[in-house]
């Protein structure tokens, strides 16, 4: 069951980081259909703002 707990911890960490990105990147505070959409908006934001 250690693998299950590790997977759960990884998913939780990813979820926390996705929420952080949603708070930082304009327009991501809305519900996006999937993680890929969030990552695309984040990439575009960072390219436009030279982050």
C-alpha atoms as a PDB file:
ATOM      1  CA  UNK A   1       0.000   0.000   0.000  1.00  0.00           C
ATOM      2  CA  UNK A   2       3.049   2.277   0.116  1.00  0.00           C
ATOM      3  CA  UNK A   3       2.785   2.855  -3.634  1.00  0.00           C
ATOM      4  CA  UNK A   4      -0.826   3.940  -3.218  1.00  0.00           C
ATOM      5  CA  UNK A   5       0.090   6.472  -0.538  1.00  0.00           C
ATOM      6  CA  UNK A   6       2.957   7.798  -2.663  1.00  0.00           C
ATOM      7  CA  UNK A   7       0.624   8.211  -5.634  1.00  0.00           C
ATOM      8  CA  UNK A   8      -1.871  10.025  -3.454  1.00  0.00           C
ATOM      9  CA  UNK A   9       0.850  12.368  -2.145  1.00  0.00           C
ATOM     10  CA  UNK A  10       2.012  13.106  -5.691  1.00  0.00           C
ATOM     11  CA  UNK A  11      -1.535  13.868  -6.871  1.00  0.00           C
ATOM     12  CA  UNK A  12      -2.039  16.167  -3.891  1.00  0.00           C
ATOM     13  CA  UNK A  13       1.194  18.040  -4.626  1.00  0.00           C
ATOM     14  CA  UNK A  14       0.238  18.433  -8.292  1.00  0.00           C
ATOM     15  CA  UNK A  15      -3.202  19.701  -7.280  1.00  0.00           C
ATOM     16  CA  UNK A  16      -1.668  22.287  -4.949  1.00  0.00           C
ATOM     17  CA  UNK A  17       0.683  23.523  -7.675  1.00  0.00           C
ATOM     18  CA  UNK A  18      -2.116  23.713 -10.229  1.00  0.00           C
ATOM     19  CA  UNK A  19      -4.133  25.844  -7.797  1.00  0.00           C
ATOM     20  CA  UNK A  20      -1.102  28.096  -7.329  1.00  0.00           C
ATOM     21  CA  UNK A  21      -0.795  28.561 -11.096  1.00  0.00           C
ATOM     22  CA  UNK A  22      -4.504  29.350 -11.316  1.00  0.00           C
ATOM     23  CA  UNK A  23      -4.017  32.077  -8.715  1.00  0.00           C
ATOM     24  CA  UNK A  24      -0.992  33.590 -10.479  1.00  0.00           C
ATOM     25  CA  UNK A  25      -1.904  33.468 -14.176  1.00  0.00           C
ATOM     26  CA  UNK A  26      -4.674  35.846 -15.309  1.00  0.00           C
ATOM     27  CA  UNK A  27      -7.679  34.091 -16.797  1.00  0.00           C
ATOM     28  CA  UNK A  28      -6.921  30.777 -15.098  1.00  0.00           C
ATOM     29  CA  UNK A  29      -9.119  31.453 -12.099  1.00  0.00           C
ATOM     30  CA  UNK A  30     -12.050  30.097 -14.108  1.00  0.00           C
ATOM     31  CA  UNK A  31     -12.644  26.380 -14.411  1.00  0.00           C
ATOM     32  CA  UNK A  32     -10.602  25.084 -17.330  1.00  0.00           C
ATOM     33  CA  UNK A  33     -11.518  21.828 -19.065  1.00  0.00           C
ATOM     34  CA  UNK A  34      -8.198  20.126 -18.284  1.00  0.00           C
ATOM     35  CA  UNK A  35      -4.637  20.520 -17.073  1.00  0.00           C
ATOM     36  CA  UNK A  36      -3.366  20.992 -20.625  1.00  0.00           C
ATOM     37  CA  UNK A  37      -5.453  24.164 -20.982  1.00  0.00           C
ATOM     38  CA  UNK A  38      -3.994  25.538 -17.767  1.00  0.00           C
ATOM     39  CA  UNK A  39      -0.460  24.731 -18.882  1.00  0.00           C
ATOM     40  CA  UNK A  40      -1.048  26.371 -22.276  1.00  0.00           C
ATOM     41  CA  UNK A  41      -2.341  29.576 -20.643  1.00  0.00           C
ATOM     42  CA  UNK A  42       0.613  29.545 -18.255  1.00  0.00           C
ATOM     43  CA  UNK A  43       3.091  29.125 -21.100  1.00  0.00           C
ATOM     44  CA  UNK A  44       1.522  31.954 -23.095  1.00  0.00           C
ATOM     45  CA  UNK A  45       1.502  34.207 -20.039  1.00  0.00           C
ATOM     46  CA  UNK A  46       5.165  33.519 -19.281  1.00  0.00           C
ATOM     47  CA  UNK A  47       6.188  34.115 -22.901  1.00  0.00           C
ATOM     48  CA  UNK A  48       4.296  37.419 -23.056  1.00  0.00           C
ATOM     49  CA  UNK A  49       5.715  38.615 -19.744  1.00  0.00           C
ATOM     50  CA  UNK A  50       9.192  37.109 -20.116  1.00  0.00           C
ATOM     51  CA  UNK A  51       8.880  35.339 -16.793  1.00  0.00           C
END
